[in-house]
């Protein structure tokens, strides 16, 4: 049973940086693509960044400000967020899918990041 656990949420000052971490258990880490997503208050969940055997990518407002990385030995994936604004306030989720899957099959419980101005 694959489980994802996020950590690192909290209150962050605008303009600052913050790192979230996600740990995968119950599966072989290298078999999974890993991604970070967020859901701002009153809005739909949106994709931020993903990492797979093929490389990494970030979308939208995350591009150029957020960086995704992984530590295979620890089975963790981090999201480094820079130059944060109040628009980045959201519940952040880690997702995983088998590399051959087209849908994100596993989700963490989420961690709240609040950016104060």
N, C-alpha and C. Protein backbone atom coordinates (compact mmCIF):
# COMPACT_ATOMS: atom_id res chain seq x y z
N UNK A 1 0.84 -1.19 0.00
CA UNK A 1 0.00 0.00 0.00
C UNK A 1 0.88 1.24 0.00
N UNK A 2 0.86 1.98 -1.12
CA UNK A 2 1.66 3.18 -1.21
C UNK A 2 1.06 4.28 -0.35
N UNK A 3 1.88 4.92 0.41
CA UNK A 3 1.45 6.08 1.19
C UNK A 3 2.43 7.23 0.97
N UNK A 4 1.87 8.42 0.95
CA UNK A 4 2.65 9.64 0.81
C UNK A 4 2.41 10.52 2.01
N UNK A 5 3.47 11.06 2.56
CA UNK A 5 3.35 11.94 3.71
C UNK A 5 4.12 13.21 3.43
N UNK A 6 3.40 14.34 3.43
CA UNK A 6 4.05 15.63 3.22
C UNK A 6 4.46 16.22 4.56
N UNK A 7 5.48 17.06 4.52
CA UNK A 7 5.90 17.79 5.70
C UNK A 7 6.48 19.12 5.27
N UNK A 8 6.54 20.04 6.23
CA UNK A 8 7.19 21.32 5.98
C UNK A 8 6.26 22.50 5.83
N UNK A 9 4.96 22.28 5.89
CA UNK A 9 4.04 23.39 5.78
C UNK A 9 4.18 24.34 6.95
N UNK A 10 3.66 25.56 6.76
CA UNK A 10 3.70 26.53 7.84
C UNK A 10 3.48 27.94 7.33
N UNK A 11 3.84 28.90 8.19
CA UNK A 11 3.70 30.32 7.87
C UNK A 11 5.03 30.84 7.34
N UNK A 12 4.96 31.51 6.19
CA UNK A 12 6.16 31.99 5.52
C UNK A 12 5.99 33.47 5.19
N UNK A 13 7.06 34.23 5.31
CA UNK A 13 7.03 35.64 4.94
C UNK A 13 7.05 35.80 3.43
N UNK A 14 6.31 36.77 2.94
CA UNK A 14 6.34 37.09 1.51
C UNK A 14 7.75 37.45 1.08
N UNK A 15 8.12 36.97 -0.08
CA UNK A 15 9.46 37.21 -0.60
C UNK A 15 10.47 36.16 -0.18
N UNK A 16 10.08 35.33 0.74
CA UNK A 16 10.99 34.32 1.26
C UNK A 16 10.93 33.02 0.49
N UNK A 17 11.68 32.05 0.98
CA UNK A 17 11.74 30.72 0.39
C UNK A 17 11.31 29.68 1.41
N UNK A 18 10.86 28.56 0.89
CA UNK A 18 10.41 27.49 1.78
C UNK A 18 10.49 26.17 1.02
N UNK A 19 10.73 25.10 1.77
CA UNK A 19 10.86 23.78 1.15
C UNK A 19 9.87 22.81 1.78
N UNK A 20 9.15 22.13 0.93
CA UNK A 20 8.25 21.05 1.35
C UNK A 20 8.89 19.71 1.00
N UNK A 21 8.56 18.70 1.79
CA UNK A 21 9.11 17.37 1.54
C UNK A 21 7.99 16.35 1.54
N UNK A 22 8.16 15.30 0.75
CA UNK A 22 7.18 14.23 0.67
C UNK A 22 7.91 12.91 0.69
N UNK A 23 7.47 11.99 1.54
CA UNK A 23 8.08 10.68 1.64
C UNK A 23 7.11 9.62 1.14
N UNK A 24 7.62 8.74 0.30
CA UNK A 24 6.82 7.63 -0.21
C UNK A 24 7.20 6.35 0.53
N UNK A 25 6.20 5.63 1.00
CA UNK A 25 6.42 4.32 1.61
C UNK A 25 5.47 3.31 0.98
N UNK A 26 5.85 2.03 1.09
CA UNK A 26 4.98 0.97 0.60
C UNK A 26 5.14 0.66 -0.87
N UNK A 27 6.14 1.23 -1.51
CA UNK A 27 6.36 0.97 -2.92
C UNK A 27 7.81 1.20 -3.28
N UNK A 28 8.20 0.77 -4.47
CA UNK A 28 9.56 0.99 -4.95
C UNK A 28 9.64 2.37 -5.56
N UNK A 29 10.35 3.25 -4.89
CA UNK A 29 10.35 4.68 -5.22
C UNK A 29 10.63 4.93 -6.70
N UNK A 30 11.60 4.24 -7.26
CA UNK A 30 12.01 4.50 -8.63
C UNK A 30 10.95 4.10 -9.66
N UNK A 31 9.93 3.38 -9.22
CA UNK A 31 8.87 2.99 -10.15
C UNK A 31 7.83 4.08 -10.35
N UNK A 32 7.96 5.18 -9.57
CA UNK A 32 6.92 6.20 -9.55
C UNK A 32 7.40 7.55 -10.06
N UNK A 33 6.54 8.20 -10.82
CA UNK A 33 6.69 9.62 -11.07
C UNK A 33 6.12 10.34 -9.86
N UNK A 34 6.76 11.43 -9.47
CA UNK A 34 6.32 12.16 -8.30
C UNK A 34 5.97 13.60 -8.71
N UNK A 35 4.96 14.15 -8.06
CA UNK A 35 4.55 15.50 -8.40
C UNK A 35 4.09 16.29 -7.20
N UNK A 36 4.11 17.59 -7.35
CA UNK A 36 3.57 18.50 -6.34
C UNK A 36 2.42 19.28 -6.96
N UNK A 37 1.39 19.47 -6.15
CA UNK A 37 0.18 20.15 -6.56
C UNK A 37 -0.25 21.06 -5.42
N UNK A 38 -1.17 21.97 -5.71
CA UNK A 38 -1.70 22.79 -4.63
C UNK A 38 -3.15 23.17 -4.91
N UNK A 39 -3.84 23.50 -3.85
CA UNK A 39 -5.23 23.95 -3.97
C UNK A 39 -5.41 25.19 -3.12
N UNK A 40 -5.44 26.35 -3.77
CA UNK A 40 -5.69 27.59 -3.02
C UNK A 40 -7.12 27.61 -2.50
N UNK A 41 -7.40 28.42 -1.51
CA UNK A 41 -8.75 28.50 -0.95
C UNK A 41 -9.79 28.84 -2.01
N UNK A 42 -10.82 28.05 -2.12
CA UNK A 42 -11.89 28.33 -3.06
C UNK A 42 -11.58 28.03 -4.51
N UNK A 43 -10.43 27.40 -4.77
CA UNK A 43 -10.04 27.12 -6.16
C UNK A 43 -9.78 25.63 -6.35
N UNK A 44 -9.62 25.24 -7.59
CA UNK A 44 -9.35 23.85 -7.90
C UNK A 44 -7.87 23.53 -7.72
N UNK A 45 -7.62 22.22 -7.58
CA UNK A 45 -6.24 21.78 -7.46
C UNK A 45 -5.50 22.04 -8.76
N UNK A 46 -4.25 22.49 -8.65
CA UNK A 46 -3.46 22.76 -9.83
C UNK A 46 -2.11 22.05 -9.75
N UNK A 47 -1.58 21.70 -10.90
CA UNK A 47 -0.28 21.06 -10.97
C UNK A 47 0.82 22.09 -10.85
N UNK A 48 1.88 21.72 -10.15
CA UNK A 48 3.03 22.62 -9.99
C UNK A 48 4.25 22.06 -10.71
N UNK A 49 4.80 20.99 -10.19
CA UNK A 49 6.02 20.42 -10.74
C UNK A 49 5.95 18.90 -10.65
N UNK A 50 6.71 18.24 -11.51
CA UNK A 50 6.78 16.79 -11.49
C UNK A 50 8.18 16.34 -11.83
N UNK A 51 8.51 15.13 -11.37
CA UNK A 51 9.82 14.56 -11.64
C UNK A 51 9.65 13.09 -11.97
N UNK A 52 10.37 12.65 -12.99
CA UNK A 52 10.30 11.26 -13.42
C UNK A 52 11.67 10.84 -13.91
N UNK A 53 11.74 9.64 -14.44
CA UNK A 53 13.00 9.15 -14.99
C UNK A 53 13.44 10.04 -16.15
N UNK A 54 12.48 10.70 -16.80
CA UNK A 54 12.79 11.50 -17.99
C UNK A 54 13.28 12.90 -17.64
N UNK A 55 13.06 13.33 -16.41
CA UNK A 55 13.48 14.66 -16.04
C UNK A 55 12.45 15.37 -15.18
N UNK A 56 12.51 16.68 -15.14
CA UNK A 56 11.60 17.46 -14.31
C UNK A 56 10.91 18.53 -15.16
N UNK A 57 9.78 18.99 -14.67
CA UNK A 57 9.14 20.14 -15.29
C UNK A 57 8.28 20.84 -14.26
N UNK A 58 8.11 22.13 -14.47
CA UNK A 58 7.21 22.94 -13.64
C UNK A 58 6.30 23.74 -14.57
N UNK A 59 5.12 24.03 -14.08
CA UNK A 59 4.10 24.67 -14.91
C UNK A 59 3.67 26.00 -14.31
N UNK A 60 3.16 26.86 -15.17
CA UNK A 60 2.49 28.07 -14.74
C UNK A 60 3.34 28.94 -13.83
N UNK A 61 2.74 29.36 -12.71
CA UNK A 61 3.42 30.26 -11.79
C UNK A 61 4.58 29.60 -11.07
N UNK A 62 4.63 28.28 -11.12
CA UNK A 62 5.74 27.57 -10.47
C UNK A 62 7.01 27.62 -11.32
N UNK A 63 6.84 27.79 -12.60
CA UNK A 63 7.99 27.78 -13.51
C UNK A 63 8.91 28.94 -13.21
N UNK A 64 10.16 28.63 -12.96
CA UNK A 64 11.14 29.67 -12.66
C UNK A 64 11.26 30.05 -11.20
N UNK A 65 10.25 29.66 -10.38
CA UNK A 65 10.30 29.98 -8.94
C UNK A 65 10.39 28.74 -8.08
N UNK A 66 9.84 27.64 -8.54
CA UNK A 66 9.83 26.40 -7.76
C UNK A 66 10.77 25.39 -8.40
N UNK A 67 11.37 24.56 -7.58
CA UNK A 67 12.26 23.52 -8.06
C UNK A 67 11.89 22.20 -7.38
N UNK A 68 11.74 21.16 -8.17
CA UNK A 68 11.47 19.83 -7.61
C UNK A 68 12.73 18.99 -7.69
N UNK A 69 12.96 18.21 -6.64
CA UNK A 69 14.12 17.34 -6.61
C UNK A 69 13.77 16.10 -5.80
N UNK A 70 14.56 15.07 -5.97
CA UNK A 70 14.29 13.85 -5.22
C UNK A 70 15.56 13.28 -4.64
N UNK A 71 15.38 12.51 -3.58
CA UNK A 71 16.45 11.76 -2.95
C UNK A 71 16.00 10.29 -2.97
N UNK A 72 16.56 9.54 -3.89
CA UNK A 72 16.12 8.16 -4.06
C UNK A 72 16.40 7.31 -2.83
N UNK A 73 17.54 7.55 -2.19
CA UNK A 73 17.92 6.76 -1.01
C UNK A 73 16.91 6.96 0.12
N UNK A 74 16.35 8.16 0.23
CA UNK A 74 15.40 8.46 1.30
C UNK A 74 13.95 8.32 0.82
N UNK A 75 13.76 8.08 -0.49
CA UNK A 75 12.42 7.99 -1.08
C UNK A 75 11.62 9.26 -0.81
N UNK A 76 12.27 10.40 -1.00
CA UNK A 76 11.62 11.67 -0.77
C UNK A 76 11.70 12.55 -2.02
N UNK A 77 10.73 13.43 -2.13
CA UNK A 77 10.75 14.44 -3.17
C UNK A 77 10.48 15.78 -2.52
N UNK A 78 11.30 16.75 -2.83
CA UNK A 78 11.20 18.08 -2.23
C UNK A 78 10.70 19.09 -3.25
N UNK A 79 10.06 20.11 -2.72
CA UNK A 79 9.65 21.25 -3.54
C UNK A 79 10.25 22.50 -2.90
N UNK A 80 11.24 23.06 -3.57
CA UNK A 80 11.85 24.31 -3.13
C UNK A 80 11.06 25.45 -3.76
N UNK A 81 10.55 26.35 -2.92
CA UNK A 81 9.74 27.46 -3.42
C UNK A 81 10.43 28.77 -3.08
N UNK A 82 10.63 29.60 -4.07
CA UNK A 82 11.32 30.88 -3.89
C UNK A 82 10.41 32.05 -4.23
N UNK A 83 10.76 33.21 -3.67
CA UNK A 83 10.04 34.44 -3.98
C UNK A 83 8.54 34.27 -3.79
N UNK A 84 8.17 33.80 -2.62
CA UNK A 84 6.77 33.50 -2.35
C UNK A 84 5.94 34.76 -2.19
N UNK A 85 4.71 34.67 -2.65
CA UNK A 85 3.74 35.76 -2.49
C UNK A 85 2.48 35.20 -1.85
N UNK A 86 1.57 36.09 -1.52
CA UNK A 86 0.32 35.67 -0.89
C UNK A 86 -0.49 34.76 -1.83
N UNK A 87 -0.24 34.89 -3.13
CA UNK A 87 -0.92 34.02 -4.11
C UNK A 87 -0.49 32.57 -3.97
N UNK A 88 0.60 32.31 -3.29
CA UNK A 88 1.08 30.95 -3.09
C UNK A 88 0.46 30.28 -1.87
N UNK A 89 -0.36 31.01 -1.13
CA UNK A 89 -1.06 30.42 0.01
C UNK A 89 -2.02 29.34 -0.49
N UNK A 90 -1.84 28.12 0.02
CA UNK A 90 -2.63 26.99 -0.47
C UNK A 90 -2.34 25.76 0.37
N UNK A 91 -3.16 24.74 0.14
CA UNK A 91 -2.85 23.40 0.65
C UNK A 91 -2.02 22.73 -0.43
N UNK A 92 -0.86 22.22 -0.04
CA UNK A 92 0.05 21.61 -1.00
C UNK A 92 0.00 20.08 -0.85
N UNK A 93 -0.07 19.42 -1.99
CA UNK A 93 -0.21 17.96 -2.01
C UNK A 93 0.91 17.33 -2.82
N UNK A 94 1.32 16.19 -2.36
CA UNK A 94 2.26 15.35 -3.09
C UNK A 94 1.45 14.25 -3.79
N UNK A 95 1.83 13.94 -5.02
CA UNK A 95 1.17 12.87 -5.75
C UNK A 95 2.20 11.92 -6.34
N UNK A 96 1.75 10.70 -6.60
CA UNK A 96 2.61 9.68 -7.20
C UNK A 96 1.81 8.86 -8.19
N UNK A 97 2.48 8.43 -9.24
CA UNK A 97 1.86 7.51 -10.18
C UNK A 97 2.94 6.60 -10.73
N UNK A 98 2.54 5.41 -11.03
CA UNK A 98 3.46 4.53 -11.72
C UNK A 98 3.86 5.17 -13.05
N UNK A 99 5.09 4.99 -13.44
CA UNK A 99 5.58 5.64 -14.65
C UNK A 99 4.76 5.28 -15.89
N UNK A 100 4.14 4.12 -15.89
CA UNK A 100 3.35 3.70 -17.05
C UNK A 100 1.91 4.18 -16.96
N UNK A 101 1.55 4.79 -15.84
CA UNK A 101 0.18 5.24 -15.65
C UNK A 101 -0.01 6.66 -16.18
N UNK A 102 -1.21 6.94 -16.63
CA UNK A 102 -1.51 8.29 -17.13
C UNK A 102 -2.21 9.14 -16.09
N UNK A 103 -2.55 8.56 -14.95
CA UNK A 103 -3.24 9.31 -13.90
C UNK A 103 -2.47 9.25 -12.60
N UNK A 104 -2.61 10.31 -11.81
CA UNK A 104 -1.99 10.33 -10.50
C UNK A 104 -2.83 9.47 -9.57
N UNK A 105 -2.24 8.39 -9.08
CA UNK A 105 -2.99 7.38 -8.37
C UNK A 105 -2.93 7.51 -6.85
N UNK A 106 -1.92 8.17 -6.35
CA UNK A 106 -1.72 8.24 -4.90
C UNK A 106 -1.51 9.69 -4.49
N UNK A 107 -2.07 10.01 -3.32
CA UNK A 107 -2.02 11.39 -2.84
C UNK A 107 -1.68 11.41 -1.36
N UNK A 108 -0.94 12.44 -0.98
CA UNK A 108 -0.72 12.68 0.43
C UNK A 108 -1.91 13.41 1.03
N UNK A 109 -1.84 13.65 2.34
CA UNK A 109 -2.96 14.29 3.03
C UNK A 109 -2.94 15.80 2.88
N UNK A 110 -1.82 16.33 2.42
CA UNK A 110 -1.71 17.76 2.21
C UNK A 110 -1.03 18.46 3.37
N UNK A 111 -0.41 19.58 3.05
CA UNK A 111 0.22 20.42 4.08
C UNK A 111 -0.03 21.87 3.72
N UNK A 112 -0.41 22.66 4.71
CA UNK A 112 -0.81 24.04 4.46
C UNK A 112 0.40 24.97 4.46
N UNK A 113 0.46 25.81 3.45
CA UNK A 113 1.46 26.87 3.40
C UNK A 113 0.72 28.20 3.34
N UNK A 114 1.02 29.06 4.28
CA UNK A 114 0.41 30.39 4.32
C UNK A 114 1.51 31.43 4.20
N UNK A 115 1.37 32.29 3.20
CA UNK A 115 2.37 33.33 2.97
C UNK A 115 1.81 34.65 3.47
N UNK A 116 2.49 35.24 4.41
CA UNK A 116 2.05 36.50 4.99
C UNK A 116 2.81 37.66 4.38
N UNK A 117 2.08 38.74 4.13
CA UNK A 117 2.72 39.91 3.51
C UNK A 117 3.05 40.96 4.55
